[in-house]
């Protein structure tokens, strides 16, 4: 299950939202481990988990620029362009690199290439090849994805055209912004992924009451 949180404000920089999300995640980590021990013990017994739940984080969360992450992967012998998305192998490898460098399981990867993000993602003002978008990770596994969204209707239309989409098909969406919309950003949180990685459960489907896959639609 994904929960999408959106923050509206006349903020000067989208990292204001990153701070809020960061505080939320640390609240979840800390309070779950401190106040849910009975439930955790039950889950450990149910799934025969050998290792106690643990997650290491730093007081000031590490924010890795996507370009730096790509460079670190290249230096470690992985094939990774700074303008292409990470595959699963490279995500996990970067998680190990961050752990070695900063001694943390939890970190944020910032400034994803604009080419791999949706049309409504705000480009980076300093280098429009990149965007004001971010993912959060635990040990190289994504738990959250978000971005600052474009709030100006004319610029939004321009970005839609740049992505090769006919703006007429999104007229109602564009027009909604003509009534006024402040700068805003948000993120989608994968709750089952967070539980899986915090408790060391092997499969995300075991953290969901009714998991959905291409081969399972019911119950």
N, C-alpha and C. Protein backbone atom coordinates (compact mmCIF):
# COMPACT_ATOMS: atom_id res chain seq x y z
N UNK A 1 0.84 -1.19 0.00
CA UNK A 1 0.00 0.00 0.00
C UNK A 1 0.88 1.24 0.00
N UNK A 2 0.58 2.18 -0.90
CA UNK A 2 1.29 3.44 -0.95
C UNK A 2 0.42 4.55 -0.37
N UNK A 3 1.02 5.36 0.46
CA UNK A 3 0.36 6.55 0.98
C UNK A 3 1.06 7.75 0.37
N UNK A 4 0.29 8.63 -0.28
CA UNK A 4 0.90 9.81 -0.89
C UNK A 4 0.65 11.03 -0.03
N UNK A 5 1.72 11.70 0.36
CA UNK A 5 1.65 12.90 1.18
C UNK A 5 2.07 14.09 0.34
N UNK A 6 1.31 15.16 0.40
CA UNK A 6 1.63 16.35 -0.39
C UNK A 6 1.65 17.56 0.52
N UNK A 7 2.63 18.41 0.32
CA UNK A 7 2.85 19.57 1.18
C UNK A 7 2.74 20.83 0.33
N UNK A 8 1.80 21.70 0.67
CA UNK A 8 1.59 22.95 -0.05
C UNK A 8 2.06 24.11 0.82
N UNK A 9 2.92 24.93 0.26
CA UNK A 9 3.40 26.10 0.99
C UNK A 9 4.18 26.97 0.01
N UNK A 10 4.37 28.21 0.37
CA UNK A 10 5.20 29.10 -0.45
C UNK A 10 6.65 28.94 -0.02
N UNK A 11 7.15 27.71 -0.14
CA UNK A 11 8.51 27.45 0.30
C UNK A 11 9.54 27.97 -0.71
N UNK A 12 10.71 28.29 -0.20
CA UNK A 12 11.77 28.79 -1.07
C UNK A 12 12.53 27.65 -1.73
N UNK A 13 12.51 26.48 -1.11
CA UNK A 13 13.26 25.34 -1.64
C UNK A 13 12.54 24.05 -1.26
N UNK A 14 12.49 23.12 -2.20
CA UNK A 14 11.75 21.88 -1.96
C UNK A 14 12.35 21.02 -0.87
N UNK A 15 13.58 21.30 -0.45
CA UNK A 15 14.18 20.52 0.63
C UNK A 15 13.45 20.72 1.95
N UNK A 16 12.62 21.76 2.03
CA UNK A 16 11.74 21.91 3.20
C UNK A 16 10.89 20.65 3.36
N UNK A 17 10.42 20.12 2.24
CA UNK A 17 9.59 18.92 2.27
C UNK A 17 10.43 17.70 2.63
N UNK A 18 11.67 17.67 2.15
CA UNK A 18 12.56 16.56 2.50
C UNK A 18 12.77 16.49 4.01
N UNK A 19 12.90 17.64 4.64
CA UNK A 19 13.08 17.67 6.10
C UNK A 19 11.86 17.07 6.80
N UNK A 20 10.67 17.42 6.33
CA UNK A 20 9.44 16.89 6.93
C UNK A 20 9.36 15.38 6.74
N UNK A 21 9.64 14.91 5.53
CA UNK A 21 9.61 13.47 5.26
C UNK A 21 10.66 12.73 6.07
N UNK A 22 11.83 13.33 6.19
CA UNK A 22 12.91 12.74 6.97
C UNK A 22 12.49 12.59 8.43
N UNK A 23 11.90 13.62 8.99
CA UNK A 23 11.43 13.56 10.38
C UNK A 23 10.35 12.50 10.56
N UNK A 24 9.47 12.40 9.57
CA UNK A 24 8.42 11.38 9.62
C UNK A 24 9.01 9.98 9.64
N UNK A 25 9.98 9.72 8.75
CA UNK A 25 10.56 8.38 8.68
C UNK A 25 11.28 8.03 9.99
N UNK A 26 12.02 8.96 10.53
CA UNK A 26 12.73 8.69 11.78
C UNK A 26 11.76 8.48 12.94
N UNK A 27 10.64 9.18 12.92
CA UNK A 27 9.60 8.96 13.92
C UNK A 27 9.06 7.54 13.82
N UNK A 28 8.83 7.09 12.58
CA UNK A 28 8.34 5.72 12.36
C UNK A 28 9.35 4.70 12.87
N UNK A 29 10.61 4.86 12.49
CA UNK A 29 11.65 3.92 12.91
C UNK A 29 11.72 3.85 14.44
N UNK A 30 11.90 5.00 15.05
CA UNK A 30 12.14 5.07 16.50
C UNK A 30 10.95 4.55 17.30
N UNK A 31 9.77 5.04 16.98
CA UNK A 31 8.60 4.69 17.78
C UNK A 31 8.13 3.26 17.54
N UNK A 32 8.30 2.75 16.34
CA UNK A 32 7.93 1.36 16.09
C UNK A 32 8.81 0.42 16.91
N UNK A 33 10.11 0.67 16.89
CA UNK A 33 11.03 -0.20 17.61
C UNK A 33 10.89 -0.05 19.13
N UNK A 34 10.47 1.12 19.60
CA UNK A 34 10.38 1.36 21.04
C UNK A 34 9.04 0.96 21.64
N UNK A 35 7.96 1.07 20.88
CA UNK A 35 6.62 0.90 21.46
C UNK A 35 5.85 -0.32 20.94
N UNK A 36 6.40 -1.02 19.97
CA UNK A 36 5.66 -2.15 19.37
C UNK A 36 6.39 -3.47 19.56
N UNK A 37 7.08 -3.62 20.69
CA UNK A 37 7.89 -4.81 20.88
C UNK A 37 7.05 -6.08 20.91
N UNK A 38 5.87 -6.02 21.52
CA UNK A 38 5.01 -7.21 21.57
C UNK A 38 4.61 -7.66 20.17
N UNK A 39 4.23 -6.72 19.33
CA UNK A 39 3.85 -7.05 17.96
C UNK A 39 5.05 -7.54 17.16
N UNK A 40 6.21 -6.92 17.38
CA UNK A 40 7.43 -7.34 16.69
C UNK A 40 7.80 -8.76 17.07
N UNK A 41 7.70 -9.09 18.35
CA UNK A 41 8.02 -10.45 18.80
C UNK A 41 7.08 -11.47 18.15
N UNK A 42 5.81 -11.12 18.03
CA UNK A 42 4.84 -12.01 17.39
C UNK A 42 5.20 -12.24 15.93
N UNK A 43 5.56 -11.18 15.23
CA UNK A 43 5.92 -11.30 13.81
C UNK A 43 7.21 -12.11 13.65
N UNK A 44 8.17 -11.89 14.52
CA UNK A 44 9.43 -12.65 14.45
C UNK A 44 9.18 -14.14 14.63
N UNK A 45 8.28 -14.46 15.53
CA UNK A 45 7.94 -15.87 15.76
C UNK A 45 7.19 -16.45 14.57
N UNK A 46 6.26 -15.67 14.03
CA UNK A 46 5.46 -16.15 12.90
C UNK A 46 6.32 -16.46 11.68
N UNK A 47 7.31 -15.60 11.41
CA UNK A 47 8.14 -15.77 10.21
C UNK A 47 9.50 -16.38 10.53
N UNK A 48 9.70 -16.79 11.77
CA UNK A 48 10.94 -17.43 12.19
C UNK A 48 12.15 -16.55 11.85
N UNK A 49 12.08 -15.30 12.25
CA UNK A 49 13.16 -14.35 11.97
C UNK A 49 14.26 -14.51 13.01
N UNK A 50 15.48 -14.75 12.54
CA UNK A 50 16.60 -15.01 13.45
C UNK A 50 17.22 -13.72 13.98
N UNK A 51 17.31 -12.71 13.12
CA UNK A 51 17.97 -11.47 13.51
C UNK A 51 16.96 -10.49 14.09
N UNK A 52 17.33 -9.80 15.17
CA UNK A 52 16.42 -8.80 15.74
C UNK A 52 16.26 -7.62 14.78
N UNK A 53 15.11 -6.96 14.79
CA UNK A 53 14.90 -5.82 13.90
C UNK A 53 15.86 -4.69 14.24
N UNK A 54 16.50 -4.17 13.23
CA UNK A 54 17.45 -3.08 13.46
C UNK A 54 17.55 -2.22 12.23
N UNK A 55 17.73 -0.95 12.44
CA UNK A 55 17.99 -0.03 11.34
C UNK A 55 18.87 1.08 11.88
N UNK A 56 19.92 1.36 11.15
CA UNK A 56 20.88 2.38 11.58
C UNK A 56 20.65 3.65 10.77
N UNK A 57 20.54 4.77 11.47
CA UNK A 57 20.42 6.05 10.77
C UNK A 57 21.26 7.10 11.48
N UNK A 58 21.53 8.18 10.79
CA UNK A 58 22.34 9.25 11.33
C UNK A 58 21.45 10.40 11.77
N UNK A 59 21.94 11.20 12.71
CA UNK A 59 21.16 12.33 13.21
C UNK A 59 20.81 13.29 12.07
N UNK A 60 21.80 13.58 11.24
CA UNK A 60 21.56 14.38 10.03
C UNK A 60 21.58 13.43 8.84
N UNK A 61 20.44 13.22 8.26
CA UNK A 61 20.31 12.21 7.21
C UNK A 61 21.18 12.54 6.00
N UNK A 62 21.82 11.51 5.48
CA UNK A 62 22.66 11.66 4.30
C UNK A 62 21.79 11.88 3.07
N UNK A 63 22.05 12.96 2.34
CA UNK A 63 21.39 13.23 1.07
C UNK A 63 22.43 13.12 -0.03
N UNK A 64 22.27 12.14 -0.90
CA UNK A 64 23.23 11.87 -1.96
C UNK A 64 22.71 12.45 -3.27
N UNK A 65 23.50 13.29 -3.91
CA UNK A 65 23.15 13.78 -5.24
C UNK A 65 23.27 12.61 -6.23
N UNK A 66 22.29 12.48 -7.13
CA UNK A 66 22.28 11.36 -8.06
C UNK A 66 23.60 11.27 -8.83
N UNK A 67 24.17 12.39 -9.19
CA UNK A 67 25.43 12.40 -9.94
C UNK A 67 26.56 11.81 -9.12
N UNK A 68 26.58 12.11 -7.82
CA UNK A 68 27.60 11.53 -6.95
C UNK A 68 27.38 10.02 -6.81
N UNK A 69 26.12 9.62 -6.67
CA UNK A 69 25.82 8.19 -6.58
C UNK A 69 26.28 7.43 -7.80
N UNK A 70 26.05 8.01 -8.99
CA UNK A 70 26.49 7.37 -10.24
C UNK A 70 28.01 7.27 -10.28
N UNK A 71 28.68 8.32 -9.82
CA UNK A 71 30.15 8.32 -9.81
C UNK A 71 30.68 7.25 -8.87
N UNK A 72 30.09 7.12 -7.68
CA UNK A 72 30.54 6.10 -6.73
C UNK A 72 30.36 4.70 -7.30
N UNK A 73 29.26 4.48 -7.99
CA UNK A 73 29.02 3.17 -8.60
C UNK A 73 30.05 2.89 -9.68
N UNK A 74 30.36 3.88 -10.50
CA UNK A 74 31.37 3.71 -11.54
C UNK A 74 32.72 3.37 -10.93
N UNK A 75 33.07 4.06 -9.86
CA UNK A 75 34.35 3.81 -9.19
C UNK A 75 34.40 2.42 -8.58
N UNK A 76 33.23 1.87 -8.25
CA UNK A 76 33.16 0.52 -7.68
C UNK A 76 33.06 -0.56 -8.76
N UNK A 77 33.08 -0.14 -10.03
CA UNK A 77 33.07 -1.10 -11.13
C UNK A 77 31.71 -1.40 -11.72
N UNK A 78 30.70 -0.63 -11.35
CA UNK A 78 29.36 -0.84 -11.90
C UNK A 78 29.13 0.10 -13.08
N UNK A 79 28.34 -0.37 -14.03
CA UNK A 79 27.99 0.45 -15.19
C UNK A 79 26.80 1.31 -14.82
N UNK A 80 27.01 2.62 -14.78
CA UNK A 80 25.94 3.52 -14.39
C UNK A 80 26.17 4.91 -14.97
N UNK A 81 25.24 5.37 -15.79
CA UNK A 81 25.28 6.73 -16.33
C UNK A 81 24.60 7.67 -15.34
N UNK A 82 25.04 8.93 -15.33
CA UNK A 82 24.42 9.90 -14.43
C UNK A 82 23.06 10.38 -14.93
N UNK A 83 22.70 10.00 -16.16
CA UNK A 83 21.40 10.43 -16.70
C UNK A 83 20.48 9.24 -16.98
N UNK A 84 20.80 8.08 -16.42
CA UNK A 84 19.95 6.90 -16.57
C UNK A 84 19.55 6.39 -15.19
N UNK A 85 18.39 5.74 -15.13
CA UNK A 85 17.87 5.25 -13.85
C UNK A 85 18.73 4.12 -13.31
N UNK A 86 18.66 3.91 -12.01
CA UNK A 86 19.35 2.80 -11.37
C UNK A 86 18.55 1.52 -11.55
N UNK A 87 19.22 0.43 -11.87
CA UNK A 87 18.53 -0.86 -11.83
C UNK A 87 18.60 -1.40 -10.41
N UNK A 88 17.94 -2.52 -10.17
CA UNK A 88 17.87 -3.07 -8.81
C UNK A 88 19.25 -3.40 -8.26
N UNK A 89 20.10 -3.98 -9.11
CA UNK A 89 21.46 -4.34 -8.66
C UNK A 89 22.23 -3.10 -8.21
N UNK A 90 22.14 -2.04 -8.99
CA UNK A 90 22.88 -0.83 -8.65
C UNK A 90 22.29 -0.10 -7.45
N UNK A 91 20.97 -0.19 -7.28
CA UNK A 91 20.36 0.39 -6.08
C UNK A 91 20.93 -0.27 -4.82
N UNK A 92 21.00 -1.59 -4.85
CA UNK A 92 21.50 -2.32 -3.68
C UNK A 92 22.99 -2.07 -3.48
N UNK A 93 23.72 -1.98 -4.59
CA UNK A 93 25.15 -1.70 -4.50
C UNK A 93 25.40 -0.32 -3.91
N UNK A 94 24.60 0.65 -4.32
CA UNK A 94 24.75 2.00 -3.78
C UNK A 94 24.42 2.02 -2.29
N UNK A 95 23.44 1.22 -1.89
CA UNK A 95 23.13 1.11 -0.47
C UNK A 95 24.32 0.65 0.35
N UNK A 96 25.07 -0.31 -0.19
CA UNK A 96 26.27 -0.81 0.50
C UNK A 96 27.36 0.25 0.54
N UNK A 97 27.50 1.00 -0.56
CA UNK A 97 28.51 2.06 -0.62
C UNK A 97 28.19 3.15 0.40
N UNK A 98 26.93 3.55 0.47
CA UNK A 98 26.52 4.57 1.44
C UNK A 98 26.75 4.08 2.87
N UNK A 99 26.47 2.81 3.10
CA UNK A 99 26.68 2.23 4.43
C UNK A 99 28.16 2.31 4.82
N UNK A 100 29.03 1.98 3.87
CA UNK A 100 30.47 2.02 4.14
C UNK A 100 30.97 3.44 4.38
N UNK A 101 30.44 4.38 3.61
CA UNK A 101 30.91 5.76 3.69
C UNK A 101 30.34 6.50 4.90
N UNK A 102 29.07 6.26 5.21
CA UNK A 102 28.38 7.10 6.20
C UNK A 102 27.79 6.33 7.38
N UNK A 103 27.92 5.00 7.37
CA UNK A 103 27.43 4.16 8.48
C UNK A 103 25.94 4.38 8.74
N UNK A 104 25.16 4.32 7.68
CA UNK A 104 23.72 4.48 7.80
C UNK A 104 23.01 3.54 6.84
N UNK A 105 21.87 3.01 7.28
CA UNK A 105 21.02 2.21 6.40
C UNK A 105 20.03 3.09 5.63
N UNK A 106 19.71 4.23 6.22
CA UNK A 106 18.67 5.11 5.68
C UNK A 106 19.30 6.35 5.05
N UNK A 107 18.93 6.62 3.81
CA UNK A 107 19.48 7.80 3.13
C UNK A 107 18.52 8.25 2.03
N UNK A 108 18.80 9.44 1.51
CA UNK A 108 17.98 10.03 0.45
C UNK A 108 18.83 10.22 -0.80
N UNK A 109 18.29 9.81 -1.94
CA UNK A 109 18.94 10.04 -3.23
C UNK A 109 18.18 11.17 -3.92
N UNK A 110 18.88 12.25 -4.22
CA UNK A 110 18.24 13.48 -4.69
C UNK A 110 18.68 13.82 -6.12
N UNK A 111 17.89 14.63 -6.81
CA UNK A 111 18.21 15.14 -8.15
C UNK A 111 18.24 14.04 -9.21
N UNK A 112 17.17 13.29 -9.32
CA UNK A 112 17.09 12.25 -10.35
C UNK A 112 17.07 12.89 -11.74
N UNK A 113 17.56 12.17 -12.75
CA UNK A 113 17.49 12.69 -14.12
C UNK A 113 16.05 12.99 -14.52
N UNK A 114 15.84 14.13 -15.16
CA UNK A 114 14.49 14.50 -15.56
C UNK A 114 13.90 13.57 -16.59
N UNK A 115 14.76 12.92 -17.37
CA UNK A 115 14.28 12.04 -18.44
C UNK A 115 13.55 10.82 -17.92
N UNK A 116 13.77 10.46 -16.66
CA UNK A 116 13.14 9.25 -16.12
C UNK A 116 12.00 9.59 -15.15
N UNK A 117 11.68 10.88 -15.05
CA UNK A 117 10.60 11.32 -14.18
C UNK A 117 9.43 11.83 -15.02
N UNK A 118 8.22 11.87 -14.45
CA UNK A 118 7.04 12.31 -15.20
C UNK A 118 7.12 13.79 -15.60
N UNK A 119 6.26 14.17 -16.53
CA UNK A 119 6.26 15.53 -17.07
C UNK A 119 6.01 16.60 -16.03
N UNK A 120 5.30 16.25 -14.96
CA UNK A 120 4.94 17.25 -13.95
C UNK A 120 6.02 17.49 -12.92
N UNK A 121 7.17 16.83 -13.06
CA UNK A 121 8.27 17.00 -12.12
C UNK A 121 9.05 18.27 -12.42
N UNK A 122 9.32 19.06 -11.40
CA UNK A 122 10.03 20.33 -11.58
C UNK A 122 11.50 20.08 -11.92
N UNK A 123 11.99 20.62 -13.04
CA UNK A 123 13.41 20.49 -13.38
C UNK A 123 14.29 21.27 -12.40
N UNK A 124 15.53 20.86 -12.31
CA UNK A 124 16.52 21.56 -11.50
C UNK A 124 16.86 22.88 -12.19
N UNK A 125 16.78 23.98 -11.47
CA UNK A 125 17.00 25.29 -12.06
C UNK A 125 18.44 25.47 -12.53
N UNK A 126 19.39 24.75 -11.95
CA UNK A 126 20.79 24.89 -12.32
C UNK A 126 21.21 23.97 -13.46
N UNK A 127 20.51 22.88 -13.65
CA UNK A 127 20.84 21.92 -14.71
C UNK A 127 19.57 21.15 -15.04
N UNK A 128 18.89 21.55 -16.12
CA UNK A 128 17.57 20.97 -16.40
C UNK A 128 17.62 19.54 -16.90
N UNK A 129 18.81 18.95 -16.97
CA UNK A 129 18.88 17.50 -17.22
C UNK A 129 18.41 16.73 -16.00
N UNK A 130 18.43 17.40 -14.86
CA UNK A 130 18.06 16.77 -13.60
C UNK A 130 16.81 17.43 -13.03
N UNK A 131 16.30 16.89 -11.95
CA UNK A 131 15.00 17.35 -11.45
C UNK A 131 14.99 17.45 -9.93
N UNK A 132 14.01 18.17 -9.43
CA UNK A 132 13.81 18.29 -7.98
C UNK A 132 12.99 17.09 -7.49
N UNK A 133 13.58 15.94 -7.65
CA UNK A 133 12.90 14.69 -7.26
C UNK A 133 13.85 13.83 -6.46
N UNK A 134 13.29 12.91 -5.69
CA UNK A 134 14.08 12.19 -4.70
C UNK A 134 13.43 10.85 -4.38
N UNK A 135 14.26 9.93 -3.95
CA UNK A 135 13.81 8.65 -3.39
C UNK A 135 14.48 8.48 -2.03
N UNK A 136 13.81 7.74 -1.14
CA UNK A 136 14.40 7.37 0.14
C UNK A 136 14.64 5.87 0.14
N UNK A 137 15.74 5.47 0.77
CA UNK A 137 16.15 4.07 0.74
C UNK A 137 16.48 3.56 2.14
N UNK A 138 16.25 2.26 2.33
CA UNK A 138 16.79 1.53 3.47
C UNK A 138 17.61 0.38 2.88
N UNK A 139 18.91 0.40 3.15
CA UNK A 139 19.82 -0.64 2.66
C UNK A 139 19.67 -0.88 1.16
N UNK A 140 19.56 0.18 0.39
CA UNK A 140 19.50 0.04 -1.06
C UNK A 140 18.16 -0.37 -1.61
N UNK A 141 17.12 -0.38 -0.77
CA UNK A 141 15.77 -0.72 -1.21
C UNK A 141 14.90 0.53 -1.09
N UNK A 142 14.24 0.89 -2.18
CA UNK A 142 13.42 2.11 -2.19
C UNK A 142 12.19 1.95 -1.29
N UNK A 143 11.95 2.97 -0.46
CA UNK A 143 10.75 2.96 0.39
C UNK A 143 9.86 4.17 0.12
N UNK A 144 10.36 5.11 -0.65
CA UNK A 144 9.63 6.36 -0.85
C UNK A 144 10.12 7.04 -2.11
N UNK A 145 9.21 7.62 -2.86
CA UNK A 145 9.58 8.37 -4.06
C UNK A 145 8.75 9.64 -4.11
N UNK A 146 9.39 10.76 -4.43
CA UNK A 146 8.64 12.01 -4.46
C UNK A 146 9.34 13.08 -5.26
N UNK A 147 8.71 14.26 -5.30
CA UNK A 147 9.25 15.35 -6.10
C UNK A 147 8.51 16.65 -5.83
N UNK A 148 9.14 17.73 -6.24
CA UNK A 148 8.42 18.99 -6.37
C UNK A 148 7.70 18.95 -7.72
N UNK A 149 6.44 19.37 -7.73
CA UNK A 149 5.67 19.36 -8.97
C UNK A 149 5.56 20.77 -9.55
N UNK A 150 5.44 20.83 -10.85
CA UNK A 150 5.29 22.12 -11.53
C UNK A 150 3.91 22.70 -11.21
N UNK A 151 3.89 23.95 -10.79
CA UNK A 151 2.62 24.59 -10.42
C UNK A 151 2.21 25.70 -11.39
N UNK A 152 3.08 26.04 -12.34
CA UNK A 152 2.76 27.06 -13.33
C UNK A 152 2.15 26.41 -14.57
N UNK A 153 0.93 26.77 -14.97
CA UNK A 153 0.25 26.07 -16.07
C UNK A 153 0.96 26.17 -17.41
N UNK A 154 1.56 27.32 -17.72
CA UNK A 154 2.23 27.47 -19.01
C UNK A 154 3.51 26.65 -19.06
N UNK A 155 4.25 26.65 -17.96
CA UNK A 155 5.46 25.84 -17.91
C UNK A 155 5.11 24.36 -17.92
N UNK A 156 4.02 24.01 -17.25
CA UNK A 156 3.55 22.63 -17.25
C UNK A 156 3.24 22.18 -18.68
N UNK A 157 2.57 23.02 -19.43
CA UNK A 157 2.24 22.71 -20.82
C UNK A 157 3.51 22.54 -21.65
N UNK A 158 4.49 23.39 -21.39
CA UNK A 158 5.77 23.30 -22.10
C UNK A 158 6.46 21.97 -21.83
N UNK A 159 6.43 21.52 -20.58
CA UNK A 159 7.07 20.25 -20.22
C UNK A 159 6.32 19.06 -20.80
N UNK A 160 5.00 19.17 -20.89
CA UNK A 160 4.20 18.11 -21.49
C UNK A 160 4.59 17.93 -22.95
N UNK A 161 4.72 19.04 -23.67
CA UNK A 161 5.12 18.99 -25.08
C UNK A 161 6.52 18.41 -25.21
N UNK A 162 7.43 18.82 -24.31
CA UNK A 162 8.81 18.33 -24.35
C UNK A 162 8.88 16.82 -24.15
N UNK A 163 7.90 16.26 -23.44
CA UNK A 163 7.86 14.80 -23.22
C UNK A 163 7.17 14.07 -24.37
N UNK A 164 6.76 14.82 -25.41
CA UNK A 164 6.14 14.19 -26.57
C UNK A 164 4.68 13.84 -26.37
N UNK A 165 4.01 14.53 -25.46
CA UNK A 165 2.61 14.26 -25.16
C UNK A 165 1.76 15.40 -25.73
N UNK A 166 0.62 15.06 -26.28
CA UNK A 166 -0.30 16.08 -26.79
C UNK A 166 -0.97 16.79 -25.60
N UNK A 167 -0.73 18.09 -25.42
CA UNK A 167 -1.29 18.78 -24.25
C UNK A 167 -2.81 18.83 -24.24
N UNK A 168 -3.44 18.66 -25.41
CA UNK A 168 -4.90 18.67 -25.45
C UNK A 168 -5.50 17.52 -24.65
N UNK A 169 -4.75 16.42 -24.55
CA UNK A 169 -5.25 15.27 -23.80
C UNK A 169 -5.19 15.50 -22.29
N UNK A 170 -4.52 16.56 -21.88
CA UNK A 170 -4.38 16.88 -20.45
C UNK A 170 -4.91 18.27 -20.14
N UNK A 171 -5.82 18.74 -20.97
CA UNK A 171 -6.33 20.11 -20.83
C UNK A 171 -6.93 20.37 -19.45
N UNK A 172 -7.76 19.46 -18.96
CA UNK A 172 -8.40 19.66 -17.65
C UNK A 172 -7.36 19.73 -16.53
N UNK A 173 -6.33 18.91 -16.65
CA UNK A 173 -5.27 18.91 -15.65
C UNK A 173 -4.53 20.26 -15.66
N UNK A 174 -4.18 20.73 -16.84
CA UNK A 174 -3.47 22.01 -16.96
C UNK A 174 -4.35 23.16 -16.47
N UNK A 175 -5.62 23.14 -16.87
CA UNK A 175 -6.53 24.23 -16.50
C UNK A 175 -6.73 24.34 -14.99
N UNK A 176 -6.61 23.23 -14.29
CA UNK A 176 -6.78 23.26 -12.83
C UNK A 176 -5.76 24.18 -12.18
N UNK A 177 -4.59 24.30 -12.78
CA UNK A 177 -3.54 25.14 -12.21
C UNK A 177 -3.75 26.62 -12.54
N UNK A 178 -4.62 26.92 -13.48
CA UNK A 178 -4.87 28.32 -13.84
C UNK A 178 -5.63 29.05 -12.74
N UNK A 179 -6.25 28.32 -11.83
CA UNK A 179 -6.97 28.94 -10.72
C UNK A 179 -6.03 29.29 -9.56
N UNK A 180 -4.77 28.95 -9.72
CA UNK A 180 -3.79 29.28 -8.70
C UNK A 180 -3.38 28.08 -7.88
N UNK A 181 -2.09 27.86 -7.81
CA UNK A 181 -1.57 26.73 -7.03
C UNK A 181 -0.20 27.12 -6.49
N UNK A 182 0.04 26.98 -5.20
CA UNK A 182 1.35 27.34 -4.64
C UNK A 182 2.39 26.28 -4.97
N UNK A 183 3.66 26.60 -4.81
CA UNK A 183 4.70 25.57 -4.92
C UNK A 183 4.39 24.43 -3.97
N UNK A 184 4.57 23.21 -4.44
CA UNK A 184 4.24 22.06 -3.59
C UNK A 184 5.09 20.86 -3.98
N UNK A 185 5.21 19.97 -3.06
CA UNK A 185 5.97 18.73 -3.27
C UNK A 185 5.37 17.66 -2.39
N UNK A 186 5.73 16.42 -2.65
CA UNK A 186 5.18 15.33 -1.86
C UNK A 186 5.94 14.04 -2.11
N UNK A 187 5.36 12.96 -1.64
CA UNK A 187 6.02 11.67 -1.79
C UNK A 187 5.03 10.54 -1.55
N UNK A 188 5.29 9.43 -2.18
CA UNK A 188 4.53 8.21 -1.94
C UNK A 188 5.36 7.27 -1.09
N UNK A 189 4.79 6.83 0.03
CA UNK A 189 5.49 5.93 0.96
C UNK A 189 5.00 4.51 0.79
N UNK A 190 5.90 3.57 0.64
CA UNK A 190 5.54 2.16 0.56
C UNK A 190 5.54 1.55 1.95
N UNK A 191 4.36 1.47 2.57
CA UNK A 191 4.29 1.04 3.97
C UNK A 191 4.75 -0.40 4.16
N UNK A 192 4.35 -1.28 3.23
CA UNK A 192 4.77 -2.68 3.36
C UNK A 192 6.29 -2.82 3.21
N UNK A 193 6.86 -2.03 2.31
CA UNK A 193 8.32 -2.07 2.14
C UNK A 193 9.03 -1.62 3.42
N UNK A 194 8.50 -0.59 4.05
CA UNK A 194 9.11 -0.10 5.29
C UNK A 194 9.07 -1.19 6.36
N UNK A 195 7.93 -1.84 6.51
CA UNK A 195 7.80 -2.92 7.49
C UNK A 195 8.75 -4.07 7.16
N UNK A 196 8.80 -4.46 5.89
CA UNK A 196 9.67 -5.55 5.46
C UNK A 196 11.13 -5.29 5.81
N UNK A 197 11.60 -4.09 5.49
CA UNK A 197 13.01 -3.78 5.69
C UNK A 197 13.35 -3.51 7.14
N UNK A 198 12.42 -2.96 7.89
CA UNK A 198 12.67 -2.73 9.32
C UNK A 198 12.78 -4.04 10.08
N UNK A 199 11.92 -5.00 9.74
CA UNK A 199 11.85 -6.24 10.52
C UNK A 199 12.65 -7.39 9.91
N UNK A 200 13.17 -7.19 8.70
CA UNK A 200 13.97 -8.24 8.08
C UNK A 200 13.16 -9.36 7.47
N UNK A 201 11.92 -9.07 7.07
CA UNK A 201 11.07 -10.06 6.40
C UNK A 201 11.51 -10.19 4.95
N UNK A 202 11.51 -11.40 4.42
CA UNK A 202 12.10 -11.65 3.11
C UNK A 202 11.27 -11.11 1.95
N UNK A 203 9.95 -11.18 2.05
CA UNK A 203 9.10 -10.85 0.92
C UNK A 203 8.08 -9.78 1.30
N UNK A 204 7.99 -8.76 0.47
CA UNK A 204 7.06 -7.66 0.74
C UNK A 204 5.61 -8.14 0.82
N UNK A 205 5.29 -9.21 0.09
CA UNK A 205 3.92 -9.72 0.08
C UNK A 205 3.50 -10.26 1.45
N UNK A 206 4.48 -10.65 2.25
CA UNK A 206 4.17 -11.13 3.60
C UNK A 206 3.79 -10.00 4.56
N UNK A 207 3.96 -8.77 4.10
CA UNK A 207 3.62 -7.61 4.93
C UNK A 207 2.30 -6.97 4.51
N UNK A 208 1.60 -7.64 3.61
CA UNK A 208 0.36 -7.08 3.08
C UNK A 208 -0.77 -8.08 3.28
N UNK A 209 -1.93 -7.61 3.73
CA UNK A 209 -3.06 -8.50 3.98
C UNK A 209 -3.56 -9.14 2.69
N UNK A 210 -3.68 -8.35 1.64
CA UNK A 210 -4.13 -8.86 0.35
C UNK A 210 -3.16 -8.42 -0.75
N UNK A 211 -2.04 -9.12 -0.88
CA UNK A 211 -1.04 -8.70 -1.88
C UNK A 211 -1.57 -8.85 -3.30
N UNK A 212 -1.13 -7.94 -4.16
CA UNK A 212 -1.52 -7.97 -5.57
C UNK A 212 -0.29 -8.14 -6.44
N UNK A 213 -0.35 -9.08 -7.35
CA UNK A 213 0.71 -9.31 -8.33
C UNK A 213 0.03 -9.54 -9.68
N UNK A 214 0.80 -9.57 -10.77
CA UNK A 214 0.19 -9.86 -12.07
C UNK A 214 -0.53 -11.21 -12.11
N UNK A 215 -0.19 -12.11 -11.18
CA UNK A 215 -0.80 -13.43 -11.16
C UNK A 215 -1.77 -13.61 -10.00
N UNK A 216 -1.96 -12.57 -9.20
CA UNK A 216 -2.89 -12.69 -8.07
C UNK A 216 -3.74 -11.42 -7.96
N UNK A 217 -5.00 -11.56 -8.32
CA UNK A 217 -5.94 -10.46 -8.23
C UNK A 217 -7.00 -10.67 -7.16
N UNK A 218 -7.20 -11.92 -6.74
CA UNK A 218 -8.15 -12.22 -5.67
C UNK A 218 -7.53 -13.25 -4.74
N UNK A 219 -7.86 -13.32 -3.44
CA UNK A 219 -8.85 -12.43 -2.78
C UNK A 219 -8.25 -11.06 -2.57
